C-alpha atoms as a PDB file:
ATOM      1  CA  MET A   1      -2.464 -10.822  20.558  1.00  0.00           C
ATOM      2  CA  SER A   2      -5.337 -11.212  18.125  1.00  0.00           C
ATOM      3  CA  ILE A   3      -4.974  -8.773  15.249  1.00  0.00           C
ATOM      4  CA  ASP A   4      -7.353  -7.263  12.752  1.00  0.00           C
ATOM      5  CA  CYS A   5      -4.789  -6.950   9.962  1.00  0.00           C
ATOM      6  CA  LEU A   6      -1.389  -8.452   9.310  1.00  0.00           C
ATOM      7  CA  CYS A   7       0.557  -6.099   7.026  1.00  0.00           C
ATOM      8  CA  ALA A   8       3.467  -7.960   5.447  1.00  0.00           C
ATOM      9  CA  GLY A   9       5.822  -6.509   2.892  1.00  0.00           C
ATOM     10  CA  ILE A  10       8.151  -3.658   2.130  1.00  0.00           C
ATOM     11  CA  LEU A  11       9.368  -1.235   4.798  1.00  0.00           C
ATOM     12  CA  PHE A  12      11.111   2.006   3.803  1.00  0.00           C
ATOM     13  CA  ALA A  13      12.484   5.188   5.303  1.00  0.00           C
ATOM     14  CA  ASP A  14      11.602   8.116   3.014  1.00  0.00           C
ATOM     15  CA  TYR A  15      13.592  11.331   2.697  1.00  0.00           C
ATOM     16  CA  VAL A  16      11.062  13.774   1.230  1.00  0.00           C
ATOM     17  CA  CYS A  17      11.452  17.373   0.092  1.00  0.00           C
ATOM     18  CA  ALA A  18       8.747  20.017   0.044  1.00  0.00           C
ATOM     19  CA  PRO A  19       7.849  20.911  -3.571  1.00  0.00           C
ATOM     20  CA  ILE A  20      10.536  22.792  -5.470  1.00  0.00           C
ATOM     21  CA  PRO A  21       9.830  25.024  -8.489  1.00  0.00           C
ATOM     22  CA  ARG A  22      11.988  22.952 -10.850  1.00  0.00           C
ATOM     23  CA  LEU A  23      14.674  20.313 -10.902  1.00  0.00           C
ATOM     24  CA  PRO A  24      18.224  21.657 -10.450  1.00  0.00           C
ATOM     25  CA  ALA A  25      20.659  21.725 -13.336  1.00  0.00           C
ATOM     26  CA  ALA A  26      23.980  19.900 -12.947  1.00  0.00           C
ATOM     27  CA  GLY A  27      25.890  21.454 -10.052  1.00  0.00           C
ATOM     28  CA  GLU A  28      23.007  23.772  -9.116  1.00  0.00           C
ATOM     29  CA  LEU A  29      21.377  24.068  -5.686  1.00  0.00           C
ATOM     30  CA  VAL A  30      17.615  24.616  -5.568  1.00  0.00           C
ATOM     31  CA  PRO A  31      16.271  25.470  -2.085  1.00  0.00           C
ATOM     32  CA  THR A  32      13.173  23.909  -0.530  1.00  0.00           C
ATOM     33  CA  ASP A  33      11.153  24.894   2.529  1.00  0.00           C
ATOM     34  CA  HIS A  34      11.935  21.673   4.360  1.00  0.00           C
ATOM     35  CA  ILE A  35      13.075  18.068   4.017  1.00  0.00           C
ATOM     36  CA  THR A  36      11.496  15.356   6.156  1.00  0.00           C
ATOM     37  CA  LEU A  37      12.530  11.862   7.242  1.00  0.00           C
ATOM     38  CA  ALA A  38       9.294   9.892   7.124  1.00  0.00           C
ATOM     39  CA  LEU A  39       7.872   6.408   7.124  1.00  0.00           C
ATOM     40  CA  GLY A  40       7.603   4.703   3.740  1.00  0.00           C
ATOM     41  CA  GLY A  41       6.800   1.357   2.154  1.00  0.00           C
ATOM     42  CA  CYS A  42       3.412  -0.255   1.547  1.00  0.00           C
ATOM     43  CA  ALA A  43       3.316  -2.504   4.611  1.00  0.00           C
ATOM     44  CA  SER A  44       4.501   0.109   7.097  1.00  0.00           C
ATOM     45  CA  ASN A  45       2.347   2.897   5.628  1.00  0.00           C
ATOM     46  CA  ALA A  46      -0.838   0.846   5.483  1.00  0.00           C
ATOM     47  CA  GLY A  47      -0.150  -0.601   8.925  1.00  0.00           C
ATOM     48  CA  LEU A  48       0.257   2.789  10.562  1.00  0.00           C
ATOM     49  CA  ASP A  49      -2.774   4.180   8.704  1.00  0.00           C
ATOM     50  CA  LEU A  50      -4.949   1.320   9.976  1.00  0.00           C
ATOM     51  CA  ALA A  51      -3.661   1.797  13.516  1.00  0.00           C
ATOM     52  CA  LYS A  52      -4.666   5.477  13.289  1.00  0.00           C
ATOM     53  CA  LEU A  53      -8.196   4.217  12.638  1.00  0.00           C
ATOM     54  CA  GLY A  54      -8.073   2.162  15.827  1.00  0.00           C
ATOM     55  CA  PHE A  55      -7.484  -1.308  14.380  1.00  0.00           C
ATOM     56  CA  LYS A  56      -5.078  -3.850  15.884  1.00  0.00           C
ATOM     57  CA  VAL A  57      -2.232  -4.203  13.411  1.00  0.00           C
ATOM     58  CA  GLY A  58       0.912  -6.281  13.176  1.00  0.00           C
ATOM     59  CA  VAL A  59       3.612  -5.410  10.631  1.00  0.00           C
ATOM     60  CA  SER A  60       6.056  -7.976   9.278  1.00  0.00           C
ATOM     61  CA  GLY A  61       9.104  -7.170   7.171  1.00  0.00           C
ATOM     62  CA  CYS A  62      12.878  -6.737   7.245  1.00  0.00           C
ATOM     63  CA  VAL A  63      15.073  -3.738   8.005  1.00  0.00           C
ATOM     64  CA  GLY A  64      18.806  -3.298   8.436  1.00  0.00           C
ATOM     65  CA  ASP A  65      20.498  -2.986  11.795  1.00  0.00           C
ATOM     66  CA  ASP A  66      20.992   0.748  11.309  1.00  0.00           C
ATOM     67  CA  ALA A  67      19.507   4.149  12.121  1.00  0.00           C
ATOM     68  CA  PHE A  68      16.873   3.995   9.357  1.00  0.00           C
ATOM     69  CA  GLY A  69      15.720   0.589  10.573  1.00  0.00           C
ATOM     70  CA  GLU A  70      15.416   1.865  14.126  1.00  0.00           C
ATOM     71  CA  PHE A  71      13.473   4.877  12.853  1.00  0.00           C
ATOM     72  CA  ILE A  72      10.943   2.629  11.106  1.00  0.00           C
ATOM     73  CA  VAL A  73      10.457   0.392  14.144  1.00  0.00           C
ATOM     74  CA  GLN A  74      10.125   3.279  16.594  1.00  0.00           C
ATOM     75  CA  THR A  75       7.708   5.174  14.328  1.00  0.00           C
ATOM     76  CA  LEU A  76       5.458   2.129  14.035  1.00  0.00           C
ATOM     77  CA  ARG A  77       5.586   1.457  17.766  1.00  0.00           C
ATOM     78  CA  ALA A  78       4.723   5.063  18.533  1.00  0.00           C
ATOM     79  CA  GLY A  79       1.647   4.559  16.339  1.00  0.00           C
ATOM     80  CA  CYS A  80       0.537   1.505  18.377  1.00  0.00           C
ATOM     81  CA  VAL A  81       1.590  -1.031  15.728  1.00  0.00           C
ATOM     82  CA  ASP A  82       2.937  -4.415  16.871  1.00  0.00           C
ATOM     83  CA  THR A  83       6.462  -4.657  15.400  1.00  0.00           C
ATOM     84  CA  SER A  84       7.403  -8.088  16.741  1.00  0.00           C
ATOM     85  CA  GLY A  85       7.214  -9.306  13.140  1.00  0.00           C
ATOM     86  CA  VAL A  86       9.891  -6.840  11.987  1.00  0.00           C
ATOM     87  CA  HIS A  87      13.346  -8.412  11.689  1.00  0.00           C
ATOM     88  CA  LYS A  88      16.606  -6.469  11.929  1.00  0.00           C
ATOM     89  CA  LEU A  89      19.211  -8.037   9.644  1.00  0.00           C
ATOM     90  CA  ALA A  90      22.963  -7.558   9.866  1.00  0.00           C
ATOM     91  CA  GLY A  91      25.091  -6.933   6.790  1.00  0.00           C
ATOM     92  CA  ILE A  92      22.496  -5.053   4.751  1.00  0.00           C
ATOM     93  CA  GLY A  93      21.016  -1.565   4.947  1.00  0.00           C
ATOM     94  CA  THR A  94      17.426  -0.554   5.488  1.00  0.00           C
ATOM     95  CA  ALA A  95      15.489   0.276   2.344  1.00  0.00           C
ATOM     96  CA  SER A  96      15.237   4.006   1.709  1.00  0.00           C
ATOM     97  CA  THR A  97      13.901   6.380  -0.903  1.00  0.00           C
ATOM     98  CA  MET A  98      14.600   9.989  -1.820  1.00  0.00           C
ATOM     99  CA  VAL A  99      11.308  11.553  -2.901  1.00  0.00           C
ATOM    100  CA  VAL A 100      11.669  14.699  -5.025  1.00  0.00           C
ATOM    101  CA  ASN A 101       8.538  16.806  -5.331  1.00  0.00           C
ATOM    102  CA  VAL A 102       8.343  19.420  -8.107  1.00  0.00           C
ATOM    103  CA  VAL A 103       5.444  21.872  -8.290  1.00  0.00           C
ATOM    104  CA  GLY A 104       2.875  20.725 -10.845  1.00  0.00           C
ATOM    105  CA  GLN A 105       4.614  17.416 -11.559  1.00  0.00           C
ATOM    106  CA  ASP A 106       4.404  13.843 -10.302  1.00  0.00           C
ATOM    107  CA  ARG A 107       6.956  12.684  -7.732  1.00  0.00           C
ATOM    108  CA  ARG A 108      10.402  11.423  -8.659  1.00  0.00           C
ATOM    109  CA  PHE A 109      12.039   8.603  -6.711  1.00  0.00           C
ATOM    110  CA  ILE A 110      15.592   7.406  -6.109  1.00  0.00           C
ATOM    111  CA  SER A 111      15.364   4.179  -4.163  1.00  0.00           C
ATOM    112  CA  THR A 112      17.304   1.227  -2.795  1.00  0.00           C
ATOM    113  CA  PRO A 113      15.365  -1.926  -1.775  1.00  0.00           C
ATOM    114  CA  GLY A 114      17.808  -2.838   0.984  1.00  0.00           C
ATOM    115  CA  ALA A 115      16.705  -5.474   3.486  1.00  0.00           C
ATOM    116  CA  ASN A 116      13.364  -5.967   1.710  1.00  0.00           C
ATOM    117  CA  THR A 117      15.182  -8.267  -0.710  1.00  0.00           C
ATOM    118  CA  ARG A 118      15.850 -10.684   2.176  1.00  0.00           C
ATOM    119  CA  PHE A 119      12.226 -10.962   3.279  1.00  0.00           C
ATOM    120  CA  THR A 120      10.743 -14.483   3.025  1.00  0.00           C
ATOM    121  CA  VAL A 121       7.662 -16.360   4.172  1.00  0.00           C
ATOM    122  CA  GLU A 122       9.626 -17.589   7.182  1.00  0.00           C
ATOM    123  CA  HIS A 123       9.805 -14.025   8.522  1.00  0.00           C
ATOM    124  CA  ILE A 124       5.993 -13.782   8.794  1.00  0.00           C
ATOM    125  CA  PRO A 125       4.689 -14.900  12.225  1.00  0.00           C
ATOM    126  CA  ALA A 126       2.610 -18.050  11.695  1.00  0.00           C
ATOM    127  CA  ASP A 127       0.284 -17.234  14.597  1.00  0.00           C
ATOM    128  CA  TRP A 128      -0.561 -13.873  13.009  1.00  0.00           C
ATOM    129  CA  VAL A 129      -1.467 -15.636   9.762  1.00  0.00           C
ATOM    130  CA  ARG A 130      -3.950 -17.821  11.657  1.00  0.00           C
ATOM    131  CA  GLN A 131      -5.381 -14.942  13.734  1.00  0.00           C
ATOM    132  CA  ALA A 132      -5.675 -12.039  11.300  1.00  0.00           C
ATOM    133  CA  LYS A 133      -9.014 -11.049   9.806  1.00  0.00           C
ATOM    134  CA  VAL A 134      -7.166  -9.537   6.830  1.00  0.00           C
ATOM    135  CA  LEU A 135      -3.747 -10.467   5.438  1.00  0.00           C
ATOM    136  CA  TYR A 136      -2.390  -7.524   3.457  1.00  0.00           C
ATOM    137  CA  VAL A 137       0.748  -8.023   1.360  1.00  0.00           C
ATOM    138  CA  GLY A 138       2.179  -4.742   0.112  1.00  0.00           C
ATOM    139  CA  GLY A 139       4.940  -4.356  -2.441  1.00  0.00           C
ATOM    140  CA  TYR A 140       4.598  -7.791  -4.009  1.00  0.00           C
ATOM    141  CA  LEU A 141       6.789  -8.343  -7.108  1.00  0.00           C
ATOM    142  CA  MET A 142       9.575  -6.374  -5.394  1.00  0.00           C
ATOM    143  CA  ARG A 143      10.621  -9.245  -3.098  1.00  0.00           C
ATOM    144  CA  PRO A 144      11.835 -12.449  -4.763  1.00  0.00           C
ATOM    145  CA  GLY A 145      11.684 -14.205  -1.387  1.00  0.00           C
ATOM    146  CA  LEU A 146       7.873 -14.208  -1.631  1.00  0.00           C
ATOM    147  CA  GLU A 147       7.655 -15.403  -5.225  1.00  0.00           C
ATOM    148  CA  THR A 148       7.554 -19.025  -4.059  1.00  0.00           C
ATOM    149  CA  ASP A 149       5.236 -21.978  -3.561  1.00  0.00           C
ATOM    150  CA  ALA A 150       5.529 -21.351   0.183  1.00  0.00           C
ATOM    151  CA  PHE A 151       3.934 -17.923  -0.269  1.00  0.00           C
ATOM    152  CA  VAL A 152       1.018 -19.398  -2.218  1.00  0.00           C
ATOM    153  CA  ASP A 153       0.580 -21.887   0.623  1.00  0.00           C
ATOM    154  CA  LEU A 154       0.632 -19.012   3.145  1.00  0.00           C
ATOM    155  CA  LEU A 155      -2.183 -17.202   1.312  1.00  0.00           C
ATOM    156  CA  ARG A 156      -4.156 -20.436   1.185  1.00  0.00           C
ATOM    157  CA  THR A 157      -3.575 -21.047   4.901  1.00  0.00           C
ATOM    158  CA  ALA A 158      -4.758 -17.540   5.779  1.00  0.00           C
ATOM    159  CA  ARG A 159      -7.929 -17.922   3.739  1.00  0.00           C
ATOM    160  CA  HIS A 160      -8.698 -21.314   5.255  1.00  0.00           C
ATOM    161  CA  ALA A 161      -8.344 -19.684   8.690  1.00  0.00           C
ATOM    162  CA  GLY A 162     -10.965 -17.105   7.705  1.00  0.00           C
ATOM    163  CA  ALA A 163      -8.797 -14.163   6.605  1.00  0.00           C
ATOM    164  CA  GLN A 164      -9.396 -12.063   3.529  1.00  0.00           C
ATOM    165  CA  THR A 165      -6.223 -11.719   1.444  1.00  0.00           C
ATOM    166  CA  VAL A 166      -5.372  -8.325  -0.045  1.00  0.00           C
ATOM    167  CA  LEU A 167      -2.469  -7.860  -2.460  1.00  0.00           C
ATOM    168  CA  ASP A 168      -0.747  -4.745  -3.814  1.00  0.00           C
ATOM    169  CA  VAL A 169       2.356  -4.560  -5.994  1.00  0.00           C
ATOM    170  CA  VAL A 170       5.467  -2.485  -6.604  1.00  0.00           C
ATOM    171  CA  LEU A 171       7.227  -2.982  -9.937  1.00  0.00           C
ATOM    172  CA  PHE A 172      10.997  -2.889  -9.559  1.00  0.00           C
ATOM    173  CA  GLY A 173      12.319  -4.074 -12.905  1.00  0.00           C
ATOM    174  CA  GLY A 174      11.897  -7.435 -14.594  1.00  0.00           C
ATOM    175  CA  GLU A 175       9.669  -9.215 -17.073  1.00  0.00           C
ATOM    176  CA  HIS A 176       8.282 -11.908 -14.769  1.00  0.00           C
ATOM    177  CA  TYR A 177       5.264 -10.021 -13.480  1.00  0.00           C
ATOM    178  CA  TRP A 178       2.434 -11.851 -15.191  1.00  0.00           C
ATOM    179  CA  GLN A 179       3.912 -15.313 -14.735  1.00  0.00           C
ATOM    180  CA  THR A 180       4.420 -14.657 -11.021  1.00  0.00           C
ATOM    181  CA  LEU A 181       0.961 -13.164 -10.460  1.00  0.00           C
ATOM    182  CA  GLN A 182      -0.798 -16.058 -12.151  1.00  0.00           C
ATOM    183  CA  ARG A 183       0.295 -18.255  -9.249  1.00  0.00           C
ATOM    184  CA  VAL A 184      -1.064 -16.014  -6.475  1.00  0.00           C
ATOM    185  CA  LEU A 185      -4.171 -14.336  -7.901  1.00  0.00           C
ATOM    186  CA  PRO A 186      -6.373 -17.437  -7.377  1.00  0.00           C
ATOM    187  CA  GLU A 187      -5.643 -17.055  -3.630  1.00  0.00           C
ATOM    188  CA  THR A 188      -6.224 -13.272  -3.646  1.00  0.00           C
ATOM    189  CA  ASP A 189      -9.527 -11.833  -2.442  1.00  0.00           C
ATOM    190  CA  VAL A 190      -8.705  -8.207  -3.351  1.00  0.00           C
ATOM    191  CA  PHE A 191      -6.024  -7.099  -5.837  1.00  0.00           C
ATOM    192  CA  LEU A 192      -5.163  -3.381  -5.750  1.00  0.00           C
ATOM    193  CA  PRO A 193      -2.757  -2.210  -8.490  1.00  0.00           C
ATOM    194  CA  ASN A 194      -2.779   1.259  -9.987  1.00  0.00           C
ATOM    195  CA  ASP A 195      -3.492   1.722 -13.688  1.00  0.00           C
ATOM    196  CA  ASP A 196       0.166   2.304 -14.620  1.00  0.00           C
ATOM    197  CA  GLU A 197       1.244  -0.903 -12.884  1.00  0.00           C
ATOM    198  CA  ALA A 198      -1.661  -2.793 -14.416  1.00  0.00           C
ATOM    199  CA  GLU A 199      -0.709  -1.615 -17.909  1.00  0.00           C
ATOM    200  CA  LEU A 200       2.892  -2.737 -17.472  1.00  0.00           C
ATOM    201  CA  ILE A 201       1.733  -6.142 -16.233  1.00  0.00           C
ATOM    202  CA  THR A 202      -1.031  -6.805 -18.773  1.00  0.00           C
ATOM    203  CA  GLY A 203      -0.069  -4.647 -21.749  1.00  0.00           C
ATOM    204  CA  LEU A 204      -3.609  -3.222 -21.684  1.00  0.00           C
ATOM    205  CA  ALA A 205      -4.285   0.520 -21.404  1.00  0.00           C
ATOM    206  CA  ASP A 206      -7.976   0.402 -20.450  1.00  0.00           C
ATOM    207  CA  PRO A 207      -8.521  -0.017 -16.668  1.00  0.00           C
ATOM    208  CA  LEU A 208     -11.679  -2.073 -17.161  1.00  0.00           C
ATOM    209  CA  ALA A 209      -9.859  -4.458 -19.496  1.00  0.00           C
ATOM    210  CA  GLN A 210      -7.005  -4.630 -16.980  1.00  0.00           C
ATOM    211  CA  ALA A 211      -9.391  -5.552 -14.175  1.00  0.00           C
ATOM    212  CA  GLU A 212     -11.088  -8.207 -16.275  1.00  0.00           C
ATOM    213  CA  ARG A 213      -7.717  -9.748 -17.144  1.00  0.00           C
ATOM    214  CA  PHE A 214      -6.788 -10.029 -13.453  1.00  0.00           C
ATOM    215  CA  ARG A 215     -10.227 -11.443 -12.673  1.00  0.00           C
ATOM    216  CA  ALA A 216      -9.816 -14.065 -15.396  1.00  0.00           C
ATOM    217  CA  ALA A 217      -6.523 -15.058 -13.755  1.00  0.00           C
ATOM    218  CA  GLY A 218      -8.327 -15.790 -10.494  1.00  0.00           C
ATOM    219  CA  ALA A 219      -8.559 -12.622  -8.374  1.00  0.00           C
ATOM    220  CA  LYS A 220     -11.966 -12.376  -6.658  1.00  0.00           C
ATOM    221  CA  THR A 221     -12.156  -8.570  -6.579  1.00  0.00           C
ATOM    222  CA  VAL A 222      -9.930  -6.159  -8.518  1.00  0.00           C
ATOM    223  CA  VAL A 223      -9.645  -2.449  -7.760  1.00  0.00           C
ATOM    224  CA  ILE A 224      -7.645  -0.337 -10.217  1.00  0.00           C
ATOM    225  CA  THR A 225      -6.674   3.004  -8.677  1.00  0.00           C
ATOM    226  CA  GLN A 226      -6.214   5.891 -11.118  1.00  0.00           C
ATOM    227  CA  GLY A 227      -4.970   8.850  -9.097  1.00  0.00           C
ATOM    228  CA  ARG A 228      -7.035  11.983  -9.752  1.00  0.00           C
ATOM    229  CA  HIS A 229      -9.279   9.940 -12.074  1.00  0.00           C
ATOM    230  CA  GLY A 230     -10.612   7.840  -9.199  1.00  0.00           C
ATOM    231  CA  SER A 231     -10.879   4.073  -9.058  1.00  0.00           C
ATOM    232  CA  LEU A 232     -12.540   1.131 -10.774  1.00  0.00           C
ATOM    233  CA  LEU A 233     -13.835  -2.000  -9.011  1.00  0.00           C
ATOM    234  CA  VAL A 234     -14.787  -5.290 -10.647  1.00  0.00           C
ATOM    235  CA  THR A 235     -16.103  -8.293  -8.720  1.00  0.00           C
ATOM    236  CA  ASP A 236     -18.741 -10.992  -9.173  1.00  0.00           C
ATOM    237  CA  GLY A 237     -21.729  -9.412 -10.913  1.00  0.00           C
ATOM    238  CA  LEU A 238     -20.639  -5.850 -10.156  1.00  0.00           C
ATOM    239  CA  ARG A 239     -18.618  -3.096 -11.815  1.00  0.00           C
ATOM    240  CA  LEU A 240     -18.206   0.274 -10.096  1.00  0.00           C
ATOM    241  CA  ARG A 241     -16.439   3.460 -11.115  1.00  0.00           C
ATOM    242  CA  ALA A 242     -15.675   5.955  -8.321  1.00  0.00           C
ATOM    243  CA  GLY A 243     -14.504   9.542  -8.502  1.00  0.00           C
ATOM    244  CA  VAL A 244     -12.324  11.338  -5.959  1.00  0.00           C
ATOM    245  CA  TYR A 245     -13.004  13.518  -2.953  1.00  0.00           C
ATOM    246  CA  PRO A 246     -12.014  17.194  -3.372  1.00  0.00           C
ATOM    247  CA  VAL A 247      -9.013  18.096  -1.229  1.00  0.00           C
ATOM    248  CA  GLU A 248      -6.003  20.356  -1.621  1.00  0.00           C
ATOM    249  CA  PHE A 249      -3.167  18.369  -3.209  1.00  0.00           C
ATOM    250  CA  VAL A 250       0.279  18.819  -1.646  1.00  0.00           C
ATOM    251  CA  GLY A 251       2.027  15.506  -2.403  1.00  0.00           C
ATOM    252  CA  GLY A 252       1.054  12.047  -3.609  1.00  0.00           C
ATOM    253  CA  THR A 253       3.524   9.921  -1.630  1.00  0.00           C
ATOM    254  CA  GLY A 254       1.690   7.125   0.197  1.00  0.00           C
ATOM    255  CA  SER A 255      -1.732   7.873  -1.268  1.00  0.00           C
ATOM    256  CA  GLY A 256      -2.053   4.402  -2.782  1.00  0.00           C
ATOM    257  CA  ASP A 257      -1.119   2.793   0.534  1.00  0.00           C
ATOM    258  CA  ALA A 258      -3.662   5.009   2.319  1.00  0.00           C
ATOM    259  CA  PHE A 259      -6.305   3.909  -0.186  1.00  0.00           C
ATOM    260  CA  ASP A 260      -5.402   0.288   0.587  1.00  0.00           C
ATOM    261  CA  ALA A 261      -5.727   0.950   4.326  1.00  0.00           C
ATOM    262  CA  GLY A 262      -9.096   2.611   3.859  1.00  0.00           C
ATOM    263  CA  TYR A 263     -10.365  -0.221   1.690  1.00  0.00           C
ATOM    264  CA  ILE A 264      -9.225  -2.730   4.324  1.00  0.00           C
ATOM    265  CA  ALA A 265     -10.962  -0.649   7.000  1.00  0.00           C
ATOM    266  CA  GLY A 266     -14.135  -1.052   4.974  1.00  0.00           C
ATOM    267  CA  LEU A 267     -13.652  -4.821   4.823  1.00  0.00           C
ATOM    268  CA  LEU A 268     -13.084  -5.019   8.576  1.00  0.00           C
ATOM    269  CA  GLN A 269     -16.271  -3.040   9.199  1.00  0.00           C
ATOM    270  CA  GLY A 270     -18.385  -5.208   6.896  1.00  0.00           C
ATOM    271  CA  GLU A 271     -18.895  -2.537   4.235  1.00  0.00           C
ATOM    272  CA  ASP A 272     -20.135  -3.493   0.775  1.00  0.00           C
ATOM    273  CA  PRO A 273     -17.847  -2.810  -2.226  1.00  0.00           C
ATOM    274  CA  ALA A 274     -19.101   0.770  -2.614  1.00  0.00           C
ATOM    275  CA  GLY A 275     -18.516   1.417   1.079  1.00  0.00           C
ATOM    276  CA  CYS A 276     -14.979   0.043   0.811  1.00  0.00           C
ATOM    277  CA  LEU A 277     -14.339   2.421  -2.098  1.00  0.00           C
ATOM    278  CA  ARG A 278     -15.593   5.336   0.007  1.00  0.00           C
ATOM    279  CA  TRP A 279     -13.250   4.481   2.871  1.00  0.00           C
ATOM    280  CA  GLY A 280     -10.330   3.906   0.510  1.00  0.00           C
ATOM    281  CA  SER A 281     -10.931   7.138  -1.374  1.00  0.00           C
ATOM    282  CA  ALA A 282     -11.328   9.136   1.846  1.00  0.00           C
ATOM    283  CA  LEU A 283      -8.034   7.930   3.322  1.00  0.00           C
ATOM    284  CA  GLY A 284      -6.268   8.398  -0.002  1.00  0.00           C
ATOM    285  CA  ALA A 285      -7.575  11.967  -0.185  1.00  0.00           C
ATOM    286  CA  SER A 286      -6.422  12.705   3.359  1.00  0.00           C
ATOM    287  CA  CYS A 287      -2.911  11.499   2.536  1.00  0.00           C
ATOM    288  CA  VAL A 288      -2.248  13.944  -0.317  1.00  0.00           C
ATOM    289  CA  ARG A 289      -2.602  16.939   2.010  1.00  0.00           C
ATOM    290  CA  SER A 290       1.078  16.571   3.052  1.00  0.00           C
ATOM    291  CA  ILE A 291       4.343  15.577   1.404  1.00  0.00           C
ATOM    292  CA  SER A 292       4.907  12.442   3.504  1.00  0.00           C
ATOM    293  CA  ALA A 293       3.098   9.117   3.354  1.00  0.00           C
ATOM    294  CA  THR A 294       1.257   9.027   6.689  1.00  0.00           C
ATOM    295  CA  GLU A 295       1.396  12.465   8.376  1.00  0.00           C
ATOM    296  CA  SER A 296      -2.004  13.771   7.264  1.00  0.00           C
ATOM    297  CA  VAL A 297      -3.921  10.473   7.038  1.00  0.00           C
ATOM    298  CA  PHE A 298      -7.217  10.624   8.923  1.00  0.00           C
ATOM    299  CA  THR A 299      -7.796   9.270  12.396  1.00  0.00           C
ATOM    300  CA  ARG A 300     -11.111   7.442  12.868  1.00  0.00           C
ATOM    301  CA  PRO A 301     -13.068  10.501  14.126  1.00  0.00           C
ATOM    302  CA  GLU A 302     -11.672  12.573  11.255  1.00  0.00           C
ATOM    303  CA  ALA A 303     -12.524   9.903   8.685  1.00  0.00           C
ATOM    304  CA  GLU A 304     -16.049   9.409   9.979  1.00  0.00           C
ATOM    305  CA  ALA A 305     -16.693  13.158   9.998  1.00  0.00           C
ATOM    306  CA  PHE A 306     -15.307  13.508   6.467  1.00  0.00           C
ATOM    307  CA  LEU A 307     -17.474  10.661   5.172  1.00  0.00           C
ATOM    308  CA  ARG A 308     -20.585  12.207   6.736  1.00  0.00           C
ATOM    309  CA  GLU A 309     -19.862  15.581   5.163  1.00  0.00           C
ATOM    310  CA  HIS A 310     -18.793  14.503   1.666  1.00  0.00           C
ATOM    311  CA  THR A 311     -20.320  12.407  -1.088  1.00  0.00           C
ATOM    312  CA  LEU A 312     -18.257  10.251  -3.442  1.00  0.00           C
ATOM    313  CA  ASN A 313     -19.604   9.867  -6.967  1.00  0.00           C
ATOM    314  CA  ILE A 314     -19.938   6.119  -7.639  1.00  0.00           C
ATOM    315  CA  GLU A 315     -21.622   4.716 -10.754  1.00  0.00           C
ATOM    316  CA  ARG A 316     -22.411   1.199 -11.888  1.00  0.00           C
ATOM    317  CA  LEU A 317     -21.009   0.164 -15.252  1.00  0.00           C
END
């Protein structure tokens, strides 16, 4: 099967609560309206979001041979995602996260990386790498099995085959971030960290300075997402600052992955950088309307209608 996007990276099962008024004290029970088992992880979230837009998507990653792993695979399949690149591993559990939402506060996470720590380049189908129009790697810096020369070679192979490479990160402890990124950014067409991640990696607080640092290290295009403050794009001869679309905020889980999926949708449709920001911002906005990572993300008709009816403020810097 030819695919539009190969999504390789972290796969999670999320256990998410509806917003509670406050965190419980020790030994206290605080009720919530509902708790949901939902898809999580950059690669699985972005893959399902792209499939909802009608693109052909293959997801590659590792899960445990357990109920959470089966849930992830079945959820992706139900969303028309090719899961033949997902590997079930014995002797280790599927990655999972408890997401605690508190009214008026950012999310809190309790997480175990599980089978993601076993994921290597060898798990990624070589034919997908040669066929894909976009290779998206989500959750980089969380999987030591991809911090290798073989992974740099894989990015190079994908680009030589005509794919655009898109990289996002998850920081999971350690001081190796910059050293590791310096090896892969020269083979990265689009780098998509958020401003908090970028500050931890570079030590710089200003998003524009962050983007310029990543560009100097070799990334072709850098997009720094900033939550409710919008996004910043820097590429050859162009700097853009984008706002956000107005929507009712319920929960932020998966919004960054939805932005990634929207940006990739723009790439696949031949949009210019501003158009990619519009698609990314629209899908990110649609995501925050629910507590889970993919439930409220737009389908293609919904996204196209939203983009026709709303204007995103974008300015050149």
